[in-house]
């Protein structure tokens, strides 16, 4: 959790955080728009 990068066109609406106790990563999205309609996937890479 040393660095978080959010795509520039989503900044201000999307945030990413971790809950280390629950072993979870959370994506919060606000002011959602129709163009945000999609299937959202999470993925992980070791020591990435």
ModelCIF file with pLDDT and N, C-alpha, C, O atoms, coordinates in Angstrom:
data_MODEL
#
_entry.id   MODEL 
#
_entity.id                         1 
_entity.type                       polymer 
_entity.pdbx_number_of_molecules   1 
#
_entity_poly.entity_id                      1 
_entity_poly.type                           'polypeptide(L)' 
_entity_poly.nstd_linkage                   no 
_entity_poly.nstd_monomer                   no 
_entity_poly.pdbx_seq_one_letter_code       
;(UNK)(UNK)(UNK)(UNK)(UNK)(UNK)(UNK)(UNK)(UNK)(UNK)(UNK)(UNK)(UNK)(UNK)(UNK)(UNK)
(UNK)(UNK)(UNK)(UNK)(UNK)(UNK)(UNK)(UNK)(UNK)(UNK)(UNK)(UNK)(UNK)(UNK)(UNK)(UNK)
(UNK)(UNK)(UNK)(UNK)(UNK)(UNK)(UNK)(UNK)(UNK)(UNK)(UNK)(UNK)(UNK)(UNK)(UNK)(UNK)
;
_entity_poly.pdbx_seq_one_letter_code_can   XXXXXXXXXXXXXXXXXXXXXXXXXXXXXXXXXXXXXXXXXXXXXXXX 
_entity_poly.pdbx_strand_id                 A 
#
loop_
_entity_poly_seq.entity_id 
_entity_poly_seq.num 
_entity_poly_seq.mon_id 
_entity_poly_seq.hetero 
1 1  UNK n 
1 2  UNK n 
1 3  UNK n 
1 4  UNK n 
1 5  UNK n 
1 6  UNK n 
1 7  UNK n 
1 8  UNK n 
1 9  UNK n 
1 10 UNK n 
1 11 UNK n 
1 12 UNK n 
1 13 UNK n 
1 14 UNK n 
1 15 UNK n 
1 16 UNK n 
1 17 UNK n 
1 18 UNK n 
1 19 UNK n 
1 20 UNK n 
1 21 UNK n 
1 22 UNK n 
1 23 UNK n 
1 24 UNK n 
1 25 UNK n 
1 26 UNK n 
1 27 UNK n 
1 28 UNK n 
1 29 UNK n 
1 30 UNK n 
1 31 UNK n 
1 32 UNK n 
1 33 UNK n 
1 34 UNK n 
1 35 UNK n 
1 36 UNK n 
1 37 UNK n 
1 38 UNK n 
1 39 UNK n 
1 40 UNK n 
1 41 UNK n 
1 42 UNK n 
1 43 UNK n 
1 44 UNK n 
1 45 UNK n 
1 46 UNK n 
1 47 UNK n 
1 48 UNK n 
#
_struct_asym.id          A 
_struct_asym.entity_id   1 
#
loop_
_ma_qa_metric.id 
_ma_qa_metric.mode 
_ma_qa_metric.name 
_ma_qa_metric.software_group_id 
_ma_qa_metric.type 
1 global pLDDT . pLDDT 
2 local  pLDDT . pLDDT 
#
_ma_qa_metric_global.metric_id      1 
_ma_qa_metric_global.metric_value   96.17 
_ma_qa_metric_global.model_id       1 
_ma_qa_metric_global.ordinal_id     1 
#
loop_
_ma_qa_metric_local.label_asym_id 
_ma_qa_metric_local.label_comp_id 
_ma_qa_metric_local.label_seq_id 
_ma_qa_metric_local.metric_id 
_ma_qa_metric_local.metric_value 
_ma_qa_metric_local.model_id 
_ma_qa_metric_local.ordinal_id 
A UNK 1  2 82.00 1 1  
A UNK 2  2 85.00 1 2  
A UNK 3  2 91.00 1 3  
A UNK 4  2 93.00 1 4  
A UNK 5  2 95.00 1 5  
A UNK 6  2 97.00 1 6  
A UNK 7  2 97.00 1 7  
A UNK 8  2 96.00 1 8  
A UNK 9  2 96.00 1 9  
A UNK 10 2 97.00 1 10 
A UNK 11 2 96.00 1 11 
A UNK 12 2 96.00 1 12 
A UNK 13 2 98.00 1 13 
A UNK 14 2 98.00 1 14 
A UNK 15 2 97.00 1 15 
A UNK 16 2 97.00 1 16 
A UNK 17 2 96.00 1 17 
A UNK 18 2 96.00 1 18 
A UNK 19 2 95.00 1 19 
A UNK 20 2 93.00 1 20 
A UNK 21 2 95.00 1 21 
A UNK 22 2 97.00 1 22 
A UNK 23 2 97.00 1 23 
A UNK 24 2 97.00 1 24 
A UNK 25 2 97.00 1 25 
A UNK 26 2 98.00 1 26 
A UNK 27 2 98.00 1 27 
A UNK 28 2 98.00 1 28 
A UNK 29 2 98.00 1 29 
A UNK 30 2 98.00 1 30 
A UNK 31 2 98.00 1 31 
A UNK 32 2 98.00 1 32 
A UNK 33 2 97.00 1 33 
A UNK 34 2 97.00 1 34 
A UNK 35 2 96.00 1 35 
A UNK 36 2 98.00 1 36 
A UNK 37 2 98.00 1 37 
A UNK 38 2 98.00 1 38 
A UNK 39 2 98.00 1 39 
A UNK 40 2 98.00 1 40 
A UNK 41 2 98.00 1 41 
A UNK 42 2 98.00 1 42 
A UNK 43 2 98.00 1 43 
A UNK 44 2 98.00 1 44 
A UNK 45 2 97.00 1 45 
A UNK 46 2 97.00 1 46 
A UNK 47 2 95.00 1 47 
A UNK 48 2 95.00 1 48 
#
loop_
_atom_site.group_PDB 
_atom_site.id 
_atom_site.type_symbol 
_atom_site.label_atom_id 
_atom_site.label_alt_id 
_atom_site.label_comp_id 
_atom_site.label_asym_id 
_atom_site.label_entity_id 
_atom_site.label_seq_id 
_atom_site.pdbx_PDB_ins_code 
_atom_site.Cartn_x 
_atom_site.Cartn_y 
_atom_site.Cartn_z 
_atom_site.occupancy 
_atom_site.B_iso_or_equiv 
_atom_site.pdbx_formal_charge 
_atom_site.auth_seq_id 
_atom_site.auth_comp_id 
_atom_site.auth_asym_id 
_atom_site.auth_atom_id 
_atom_site.pdbx_PDB_model_num 
ATOM 1   N N  . UNK A 1 1  ? 0.831   -1.216  0.000   1.00 82.00 ? 1  UNK A N  1 
ATOM 2   C CA . UNK A 1 1  ? 0.000   0.000   0.000   1.00 82.00 ? 1  UNK A CA 1 
ATOM 3   C C  . UNK A 1 1  ? 0.857   1.255   0.000   1.00 82.00 ? 1  UNK A C  1 
ATOM 4   O O  . UNK A 1 1  ? 0.525   2.244   0.652   1.00 82.00 ? 1  UNK A O  1 
ATOM 5   N N  . UNK A 1 2  ? 1.964   1.208   -0.736  1.00 85.00 ? 2  UNK A N  1 
ATOM 6   C CA . UNK A 1 2  ? 2.894   2.328   -0.736  1.00 85.00 ? 2  UNK A CA 1 
ATOM 7   C C  . UNK A 1 2  ? 2.538   3.403   -1.759  1.00 85.00 ? 2  UNK A C  1 
ATOM 8   O O  . UNK A 1 2  ? 3.024   4.531   -1.678  1.00 85.00 ? 2  UNK A O  1 
ATOM 9   N N  . UNK A 1 3  ? 1.684   3.046   -2.726  1.00 91.00 ? 3  UNK A N  1 
ATOM 10  C CA . UNK A 1 3  ? 1.365   4.012   -3.782  1.00 91.00 ? 3  UNK A CA 1 
ATOM 11  C C  . UNK A 1 3  ? 0.052   3.607   -4.420  1.00 91.00 ? 3  UNK A C  1 
ATOM 12  O O  . UNK A 1 3  ? -0.187  2.429   -4.686  1.00 91.00 ? 3  UNK A O  1 
ATOM 13  N N  . UNK A 1 4  ? -0.785  4.581   -4.661  1.00 93.00 ? 4  UNK A N  1 
ATOM 14  C CA . UNK A 1 4  ? -2.066  4.337   -5.319  1.00 93.00 ? 4  UNK A CA 1 
ATOM 15  C C  . UNK A 1 4  ? -2.170  5.232   -6.540  1.00 93.00 ? 4  UNK A C  1 
ATOM 16  O O  . UNK A 1 4  ? -1.932  6.438   -6.479  1.00 93.00 ? 4  UNK A O  1 
ATOM 17  N N  . UNK A 1 5  ? -2.530  4.614   -7.636  1.00 95.00 ? 5  UNK A N  1 
ATOM 18  C CA . UNK A 1 5  ? -2.682  5.360   -8.883  1.00 95.00 ? 5  UNK A CA 1 
ATOM 19  C C  . UNK A 1 5  ? -4.111  5.195   -9.369  1.00 95.00 ? 5  UNK A C  1 
ATOM 20  O O  . UNK A 1 5  ? -4.575  4.075   -9.579  1.00 95.00 ? 5  UNK A O  1 
ATOM 21  N N  . UNK A 1 6  ? -4.808  6.307   -9.548  1.00 97.00 ? 6  UNK A N  1 
ATOM 22  C CA . UNK A 1 6  ? -6.152  6.304   -10.134 1.00 97.00 ? 6  UNK A CA 1 
ATOM 23  C C  . UNK A 1 6  ? -6.058  6.990   -11.490 1.00 97.00 ? 6  UNK A C  1 
ATOM 24  O O  . UNK A 1 6  ? -5.439  8.048   -11.606 1.00 97.00 ? 6  UNK A O  1 
ATOM 25  N N  . UNK A 1 7  ? -6.649  6.415   -12.490 1.00 97.00 ? 7  UNK A N  1 
ATOM 26  C CA . UNK A 1 7  ? -6.640  7.013   -13.823 1.00 97.00 ? 7  UNK A CA 1 
ATOM 27  C C  . UNK A 1 7  ? -7.089  8.462   -13.737 1.00 97.00 ? 7  UNK A C  1 
ATOM 28  O O  . UNK A 1 7  ? -8.032  8.803   -13.023 1.00 97.00 ? 7  UNK A O  1 
ATOM 29  N N  . UNK A 1 8  ? -6.399  9.291   -14.473 1.00 96.00 ? 8  UNK A N  1 
ATOM 30  C CA . UNK A 1 8  ? -6.607  10.731  -14.329 1.00 96.00 ? 8  UNK A CA 1 
ATOM 31  C C  . UNK A 1 8  ? -8.052  11.139  -14.604 1.00 96.00 ? 8  UNK A C  1 
ATOM 32  O O  . UNK A 1 8  ? -8.575  12.046  -13.956 1.00 96.00 ? 8  UNK A O  1 
ATOM 33  N N  . UNK A 1 9  ? -8.697  10.476  -15.559 1.00 96.00 ? 9  UNK A N  1 
ATOM 34  C CA . UNK A 1 9  ? -10.055 10.885  -15.917 1.00 96.00 ? 9  UNK A CA 1 
ATOM 35  C C  . UNK A 1 9  ? -11.093 10.421  -14.886 1.00 96.00 ? 9  UNK A C  1 
ATOM 36  O O  . UNK A 1 9  ? -12.268 10.775  -14.976 1.00 96.00 ? 9  UNK A O  1 
ATOM 37  N N  . UNK A 1 10 ? -10.644 9.623   -13.904 1.00 97.00 ? 10 UNK A N  1 
ATOM 38  C CA . UNK A 1 10 ? -11.547 9.148   -12.851 1.00 97.00 ? 10 UNK A CA 1 
ATOM 39  C C  . UNK A 1 10 ? -11.253 9.793   -11.501 1.00 97.00 ? 10 UNK A C  1 
ATOM 40  O O  . UNK A 1 10 ? -12.018 9.622   -10.551 1.00 97.00 ? 10 UNK A O  1 
ATOM 41  N N  . UNK A 1 11 ? -10.167 10.522  -11.412 1.00 96.00 ? 11 UNK A N  1 
ATOM 42  C CA . UNK A 1 11 ? -9.825  11.141  -10.125 1.00 96.00 ? 11 UNK A CA 1 
ATOM 43  C C  . UNK A 1 11 ? -10.894 12.127  -9.703  1.00 96.00 ? 11 UNK A C  1 
ATOM 44  O O  . UNK A 1 11 ? -11.481 12.836  -10.520 1.00 96.00 ? 11 UNK A O  1 
ATOM 45  N N  . UNK A 1 12 ? -11.123 12.146  -8.426  1.00 96.00 ? 12 UNK A N  1 
ATOM 46  C CA . UNK A 1 12 ? -12.185 12.985  -7.896  1.00 96.00 ? 12 UNK A CA 1 
ATOM 47  C C  . UNK A 1 12 ? -13.504 12.243  -7.774  1.00 96.00 ? 12 UNK A C  1 
ATOM 48  O O  . UNK A 1 12 ? -14.398 12.673  -7.045  1.00 96.00 ? 12 UNK A O  1 
ATOM 49  N N  . UNK A 1 13 ? -13.630 11.124  -8.490  1.00 98.00 ? 13 UNK A N  1 
ATOM 50  C CA . UNK A 1 13 ? -14.841 10.308  -8.385  1.00 98.00 ? 13 UNK A CA 1 
ATOM 51  C C  . UNK A 1 13 ? -14.544 8.903   -7.872  1.00 98.00 ? 13 UNK A C  1 
ATOM 52  O O  . UNK A 1 13 ? -15.384 8.307   -7.197  1.00 98.00 ? 13 UNK A O  1 
ATOM 53  N N  . UNK A 1 14 ? -13.369 8.365   -8.178  1.00 98.00 ? 14 UNK A N  1 
ATOM 54  C CA . UNK A 1 14 ? -12.998 7.003   -7.786  1.00 98.00 ? 14 UNK A CA 1 
ATOM 55  C C  . UNK A 1 14 ? -11.845 7.062   -6.797  1.00 98.00 ? 14 UNK A C  1 
ATOM 56  O O  . UNK A 1 14 ? -10.893 7.819   -6.990  1.00 98.00 ? 14 UNK A O  1 
ATOM 57  N N  . UNK A 1 15 ? -11.929 6.271   -5.749  1.00 97.00 ? 15 UNK A N  1 
ATOM 58  C CA . UNK A 1 15 ? -10.830 6.128   -4.796  1.00 97.00 ? 15 UNK A CA 1 
ATOM 59  C C  . UNK A 1 15 ? -10.595 4.649   -4.510  1.00 97.00 ? 15 UNK A C  1 
ATOM 60  O O  . UNK A 1 15 ? -11.505 3.824   -4.591  1.00 97.00 ? 15 UNK A O  1 
ATOM 61  N N  . UNK A 1 16 ? -9.342  4.342   -4.172  1.00 97.00 ? 16 UNK A N  1 
ATOM 62  C CA . UNK A 1 16 ? -8.935  2.966   -3.910  1.00 97.00 ? 16 UNK A CA 1 
ATOM 63  C C  . UNK A 1 16 ? -8.295  2.904   -2.540  1.00 97.00 ? 16 UNK A C  1 
ATOM 64  O O  . UNK A 1 16 ? -7.461  3.740   -2.193  1.00 97.00 ? 16 UNK A O  1 
ATOM 65  N N  . UNK A 1 17 ? -8.690  1.909   -1.765  1.00 96.00 ? 17 UNK A N  1 
ATOM 66  C CA . UNK A 1 17 ? -8.111  1.774   -0.429  1.00 96.00 ? 17 UNK A CA 1 
ATOM 67  C C  . UNK A 1 17 ? -8.031  0.296   -0.064  1.00 96.00 ? 17 UNK A C  1 
ATOM 68  O O  . UNK A 1 17 ? -8.624  -0.563  -0.716  1.00 96.00 ? 17 UNK A O  1 
ATOM 69  N N  . UNK A 1 18 ? -7.277  0.032   1.003   1.00 96.00 ? 18 UNK A N  1 
ATOM 70  C CA . UNK A 1 18 ? -7.129  -1.342  1.482   1.00 96.00 ? 18 UNK A CA 1 
ATOM 71  C C  . UNK A 1 18 ? -7.645  -1.455  2.913   1.00 96.00 ? 18 UNK A C  1 
ATOM 72  O O  . UNK A 1 18 ? -7.533  -0.531  3.719   1.00 96.00 ? 18 UNK A O  1 
ATOM 73  N N  . UNK A 1 19 ? -8.209  -2.614  3.191   1.00 95.00 ? 19 UNK A N  1 
ATOM 74  C CA . UNK A 1 19 ? -8.549  -2.984  4.566   1.00 95.00 ? 19 UNK A CA 1 
ATOM 75  C C  . UNK A 1 19 ? -7.695  -4.205  4.881   1.00 95.00 ? 19 UNK A C  1 
ATOM 76  O O  . UNK A 1 19 ? -8.051  -5.333  4.540   1.00 95.00 ? 19 UNK A O  1 
ATOM 77  N N  . UNK A 1 20 ? -6.572  -3.966  5.531   1.00 93.00 ? 20 UNK A N  1 
ATOM 78  C CA . UNK A 1 20 ? -5.622  -5.056  5.755   1.00 93.00 ? 20 UNK A CA 1 
ATOM 79  C C  . UNK A 1 20 ? -6.153  -6.092  6.733   1.00 93.00 ? 20 UNK A C  1 
ATOM 80  O O  . UNK A 1 20 ? -5.763  -7.258  6.670   1.00 93.00 ? 20 UNK A O  1 
ATOM 81  N N  . UNK A 1 21 ? -7.026  -5.687  7.623   1.00 95.00 ? 21 UNK A N  1 
ATOM 82  C CA . UNK A 1 21 ? -7.605  -6.640  8.583   1.00 95.00 ? 21 UNK A CA 1 
ATOM 83  C C  . UNK A 1 21 ? -8.500  -7.633  7.846   1.00 95.00 ? 21 UNK A C  1 
ATOM 84  O O  . UNK A 1 21 ? -8.471  -8.832  8.124   1.00 95.00 ? 21 UNK A O  1 
ATOM 85  N N  . UNK A 1 22 ? -9.295  -7.124  6.906   1.00 97.00 ? 22 UNK A N  1 
ATOM 86  C CA . UNK A 1 22 ? -10.210 -7.981  6.161   1.00 97.00 ? 22 UNK A CA 1 
ATOM 87  C C  . UNK A 1 22 ? -9.584  -8.578  4.904   1.00 97.00 ? 22 UNK A C  1 
ATOM 88  O O  . UNK A 1 22 ? -10.220 -9.363  4.202   1.00 97.00 ? 22 UNK A O  1 
ATOM 89  N N  . UNK A 1 23 ? -8.328  -8.201  4.621   1.00 97.00 ? 23 UNK A N  1 
ATOM 90  C CA . UNK A 1 23 ? -7.658  -8.707  3.415   1.00 97.00 ? 23 UNK A CA 1 
ATOM 91  C C  . UNK A 1 23 ? -8.455  -8.359  2.165   1.00 97.00 ? 23 UNK A C  1 
ATOM 92  O O  . UNK A 1 23 ? -8.730  -9.208  1.317   1.00 97.00 ? 23 UNK A O  1 
ATOM 93  N N  . UNK A 1 24 ? -8.813  -7.088  2.081   1.00 97.00 ? 24 UNK A N  1 
ATOM 94  C CA . UNK A 1 24 ? -9.729  -6.605  1.047   1.00 97.00 ? 24 UNK A CA 1 
ATOM 95  C C  . UNK A 1 24 ? -9.202  -5.313  0.452   1.00 97.00 ? 24 UNK A C  1 
ATOM 96  O O  . UNK A 1 24 ? -8.560  -4.511  1.131   1.00 97.00 ? 24 UNK A O  1 
ATOM 97  N N  . UNK A 1 25 ? -9.486  -5.125  -0.832  1.00 97.00 ? 25 UNK A N  1 
ATOM 98  C CA . UNK A 1 25 ? -9.224  -3.839  -1.478  1.00 97.00 ? 25 UNK A CA 1 
ATOM 99  C C  . UNK A 1 25 ? -10.570 -3.279  -1.933  1.00 97.00 ? 25 UNK A C  1 
ATOM 100 O O  . UNK A 1 25 ? -11.399 -3.995  -2.495  1.00 97.00 ? 25 UNK A O  1 
ATOM 101 N N  . UNK A 1 26 ? -10.766 -2.008  -1.684  1.00 98.00 ? 26 UNK A N  1 
ATOM 102 C CA . UNK A 1 26 ? -12.061 -1.375  -1.913  1.00 98.00 ? 26 UNK A CA 1 
ATOM 103 C C  . UNK A 1 26 ? -11.937 -0.281  -2.964  1.00 98.00 ? 26 UNK A C  1 
ATOM 104 O O  . UNK A 1 26 ? -11.041 0.561   -2.911  1.00 98.00 ? 26 UNK A O  1 
ATOM 105 N N  . UNK A 1 27 ? -12.850 -0.314  -3.910  1.00 98.00 ? 27 UNK A N  1 
ATOM 106 C CA . UNK A 1 27 ? -12.964 0.747   -4.906  1.00 98.00 ? 27 UNK A CA 1 
ATOM 107 C C  . UNK A 1 27 ? -14.275 1.482   -4.654  1.00 98.00 ? 27 UNK A C  1 
ATOM 108 O O  . UNK A 1 27 ? -15.354 0.900   -4.767  1.00 98.00 ? 27 UNK A O  1 
ATOM 109 N N  . UNK A 1 28 ? -14.176 2.735   -4.318  1.00 98.00 ? 28 UNK A N  1 
ATOM 110 C CA . UNK A 1 28 ? -15.365 3.546   -4.091  1.00 98.00 ? 28 UNK A CA 1 
ATOM 111 C C  . UNK A 1 28 ? -15.550 4.495   -5.257  1.00 98.00 ? 28 UNK A C  1 
ATOM 112 O O  . UNK A 1 28 ? -14.611 5.163   -5.689  1.00 98.00 ? 28 UNK A O  1 
ATOM 113 N N  . UNK A 1 29 ? -16.754 4.545   -5.755  1.00 98.00 ? 29 UNK A N  1 
ATOM 114 C CA . UNK A 1 29 ? -17.064 5.369   -6.913  1.00 98.00 ? 29 UNK A CA 1 
ATOM 115 C C  . UNK A 1 29 ? -18.259 6.252   -6.586  1.00 98.00 ? 29 UNK A C  1 
ATOM 116 O O  . UNK A 1 29 ? -19.289 5.776   -6.109  1.00 98.00 ? 29 UNK A O  1 
ATOM 117 N N  . UNK A 1 30 ? -18.107 7.531   -6.848  1.00 98.00 ? 30 UNK A N  1 
ATOM 118 C CA . UNK A 1 30 ? -19.183 8.486   -6.592  1.00 98.00 ? 30 UNK A CA 1 
ATOM 119 C C  . UNK A 1 30 ? -19.538 9.217   -7.878  1.00 98.00 ? 30 UNK A C  1 
ATOM 120 O O  . UNK A 1 30 ? -18.819 9.139   -8.875  1.00 98.00 ? 30 UNK A O  1 
ATOM 121 N N  . UNK A 1 31 ? -20.659 9.929   -7.837  1.00 98.00 ? 31 UNK A N  1 
ATOM 122 C CA . UNK A 1 31 ? -21.129 10.686  -9.001  1.00 98.00 ? 31 UNK A CA 1 
ATOM 123 C C  . UNK A 1 31 ? -21.048 9.838   -10.276 1.00 98.00 ? 31 UNK A C  1 
ATOM 124 O O  . UNK A 1 31 ? -20.520 10.271  -11.300 1.00 98.00 ? 31 UNK A O  1 
ATOM 125 N N  . UNK A 1 32 ? -21.575 8.647   -10.181 1.00 98.00 ? 32 UNK A N  1 
ATOM 126 C CA . UNK A 1 32 ? -21.466 7.702   -11.281 1.00 98.00 ? 32 UNK A CA 1 
ATOM 127 C C  . UNK A 1 32 ? -22.248 8.171   -12.497 1.00 98.00 ? 32 UNK A C  1 
ATOM 128 O O  . UNK A 1 32 ? -23.291 8.815   -12.383 1.00 98.00 ? 32 UNK A O  1 
ATOM 129 N N  . UNK A 1 33 ? -21.711 7.827   -13.675 1.00 97.00 ? 33 UNK A N  1 
ATOM 130 C CA . UNK A 1 33 ? -22.282 8.249   -14.944 1.00 97.00 ? 33 UNK A CA 1 
ATOM 131 C C  . UNK A 1 33 ? -22.609 7.016   -15.778 1.00 97.00 ? 33 UNK A C  1 
ATOM 132 O O  . UNK A 1 33 ? -22.041 5.949   -15.542 1.00 97.00 ? 33 UNK A O  1 
ATOM 133 N N  . UNK A 1 34 ? -23.501 7.137   -16.733 1.00 97.00 ? 34 UNK A N  1 
ATOM 134 C CA . UNK A 1 34 ? -23.826 5.970   -17.583 1.00 97.00 ? 34 UNK A CA 1 
ATOM 135 C C  . UNK A 1 34 ? -22.601 5.354   -18.237 1.00 97.00 ? 34 UNK A C  1 
ATOM 136 O O  . UNK A 1 34 ? -22.558 4.142   -18.448 1.00 97.00 ? 34 UNK A O  1 
ATOM 137 N N  . UNK A 1 35 ? -21.609 6.165   -18.558 1.00 96.00 ? 35 UNK A N  1 
ATOM 138 C CA . UNK A 1 35 ? -20.402 5.625   -19.198 1.00 96.00 ? 35 UNK A CA 1 
ATOM 139 C C  . UNK A 1 35 ? -19.538 4.824   -18.237 1.00 96.00 ? 35 UNK A C  1 
ATOM 140 O O  . UNK A 1 35 ? -18.557 4.215   -18.663 1.00 96.00 ? 35 UNK A O  1 
ATOM 141 N N  . UNK A 1 36 ? -19.873 4.810   -16.965 1.00 98.00 ? 36 UNK A N  1 
ATOM 142 C CA . UNK A 1 36 ? -19.179 3.951   -16.007 1.00 98.00 ? 36 UNK A CA 1 
ATOM 143 C C  . UNK A 1 36 ? -19.745 2.529   -16.006 1.00 98.00 ? 36 UNK A C  1 
ATOM 144 O O  . UNK A 1 36 ? -19.214 1.648   -15.330 1.00 98.00 ? 36 UNK A O  1 
ATOM 145 N N  . UNK A 1 37 ? -20.805 2.310   -16.752 1.00 98.00 ? 37 UNK A N  1 
ATOM 146 C CA . UNK A 1 37 ? -21.396 0.974   -16.839 1.00 98.00 ? 37 UNK A CA 1 
ATOM 147 C C  . UNK A 1 37 ? -20.380 -0.007  -17.426 1.00 98.00 ? 37 UNK A C  1 
ATOM 148 O O  . UNK A 1 37 ? -19.849 0.210   -18.516 1.00 98.00 ? 37 UNK A O  1 
ATOM 149 N N  . UNK A 1 38 ? -20.119 -1.082  -16.692 1.00 98.00 ? 38 UNK A N  1 
ATOM 150 C CA . UNK A 1 38 ? -19.108 -2.064  -17.115 1.00 98.00 ? 38 UNK A CA 1 
ATOM 151 C C  . UNK A 1 38 ? -19.087 -3.199  -16.098 1.00 98.00 ? 38 UNK A C  1 
ATOM 152 O O  . UNK A 1 38 ? -19.685 -3.114  -15.026 1.00 98.00 ? 38 UNK A O  1 
ATOM 153 N N  . UNK A 1 39 ? -18.387 -4.254  -16.466 1.00 98.00 ? 39 UNK A N  1 
ATOM 154 C CA . UNK A 1 39 ? -18.029 -5.264  -15.484 1.00 98.00 ? 39 UNK A CA 1 
ATOM 155 C C  . UNK A 1 39 ? -16.682 -4.878  -14.898 1.00 98.00 ? 39 UNK A C  1 
ATOM 156 O O  . UNK A 1 39 ? -15.719 -4.629  -15.624 1.00 98.00 ? 39 UNK A O  1 
ATOM 157 N N  . UNK A 1 40 ? -16.629 -4.833  -13.584 1.00 98.00 ? 40 UNK A N  1 
ATOM 158 C CA . UNK A 1 40 ? -15.419 -4.414  -12.882 1.00 98.00 ? 40 UNK A CA 1 
ATOM 159 C C  . UNK A 1 40 ? -14.709 -5.648  -12.314 1.00 98.00 ? 40 UNK A C  1 
ATOM 160 O O  . UNK A 1 40 ? -15.317 -6.502  -11.669 1.00 98.00 ? 40 UNK A O  1 
ATOM 161 N N  . UNK A 1 41 ? -13.418 -5.704  -12.576 1.00 98.00 ? 41 UNK A N  1 
ATOM 162 C CA . UNK A 1 41 ? -12.599 -6.829  -12.144 1.00 98.00 ? 41 UNK A CA 1 
ATOM 163 C C  . UNK A 1 41 ? -11.471 -6.343  -11.244 1.00 98.00 ? 41 UNK A C  1 
ATOM 164 O O  . UNK A 1 41 ? -10.913 -5.267  -11.459 1.00 98.00 ? 41 UNK A O  1 
ATOM 165 N N  . UNK A 1 42 ? -11.140 -7.145  -10.237 1.00 98.00 ? 42 UNK A N  1 
ATOM 166 C CA . UNK A 1 42 ? -9.913  -6.878  -9.512  1.00 98.00 ? 42 UNK A CA 1 
ATOM 167 C C  . UNK A 1 42 ? -8.903  -7.967  -9.848  1.00 98.00 ? 42 UNK A C  1 
ATOM 168 O O  . UNK A 1 42 ? -9.262  -9.092  -10.197 1.00 98.00 ? 42 UNK A O  1 
ATOM 169 N N  . UNK A 1 43 ? -7.640  -7.605  -9.735  1.00 98.00 ? 43 UNK A N  1 
ATOM 170 C CA . UNK A 1 43 ? -6.561  -8.522  -10.059 1.00 98.00 ? 43 UNK A CA 1 
ATOM 171 C C  . UNK A 1 43 ? -5.367  -8.184  -9.170  1.00 98.00 ? 43 UNK A C  1 
ATOM 172 O O  . UNK A 1 43 ? -5.252  -7.068  -8.664  1.00 98.00 ? 43 UNK A O  1 
ATOM 173 N N  . UNK A 1 44 ? -4.483  -9.159  -8.988  1.00 98.00 ? 44 UNK A N  1 
ATOM 174 C CA . UNK A 1 44 ? -3.345  -8.961  -8.097  1.00 98.00 ? 44 UNK A CA 1 
ATOM 175 C C  . UNK A 1 44 ? -2.088  -9.560  -8.689  1.00 98.00 ? 44 UNK A C  1 
ATOM 176 O O  . UNK A 1 44 ? -2.121  -10.610 -9.330  1.00 98.00 ? 44 UNK A O  1 
ATOM 177 N N  . UNK A 1 45 ? -0.986  -8.881  -8.464  1.00 97.00 ? 45 UNK A N  1 
ATOM 178 C CA . UNK A 1 45 ? 0.328   -9.350  -8.871  1.00 97.00 ? 45 UNK A CA 1 
ATOM 179 C C  . UNK A 1 45 ? 1.262   -9.313  -7.686  1.00 97.00 ? 45 UNK A C  1 
ATOM 180 O O  . UNK A 1 45 ? 1.350   -8.291  -7.005  1.00 97.00 ? 45 UNK A O  1 
ATOM 181 N N  . UNK A 1 46 ? 1.956   -10.392 -7.424  1.00 97.00 ? 46 UNK A N  1 
ATOM 182 C CA . UNK A 1 46 ? 2.809   -10.457 -6.228  1.00 97.00 ? 46 UNK A CA 1 
ATOM 183 C C  . UNK A 1 46 ? 3.969   -9.463  -6.314  1.00 97.00 ? 46 UNK A C  1 
ATOM 184 O O  . UNK A 1 46 ? 4.694   -9.410  -7.308  1.00 97.00 ? 46 UNK A O  1 
ATOM 185 N N  . UNK A 1 47 ? 4.121   -8.692  -5.265  1.00 95.00 ? 47 UNK A N  1 
ATOM 186 C CA . UNK A 1 47 ? 5.179   -7.696  -5.123  1.00 95.00 ? 47 UNK A CA 1 
ATOM 187 C C  . UNK A 1 47 ? 5.206   -6.720  -6.298  1.00 95.00 ? 47 UNK A C  1 
ATOM 188 O O  . UNK A 1 47 ? 6.267   -6.310  -6.767  1.00 95.00 ? 47 UNK A O  1 
ATOM 189 N N  . UNK A 1 48 ? 4.025   -6.367  -6.749  1.00 95.00 ? 48 UNK A N  1 
ATOM 190 C CA . UNK A 1 48 ? 3.908   -5.477  -7.897  1.00 95.00 ? 48 UNK A CA 1 
ATOM 191 C C  . UNK A 1 48 ? 3.785   -4.029  -7.439  1.00 95.00 ? 48 UNK A C  1 
ATOM 192 O O  . UNK A 1 48 ? 3.676   -3.126  -8.269  1.00 95.00 ? 48 UNK A O  1 
#
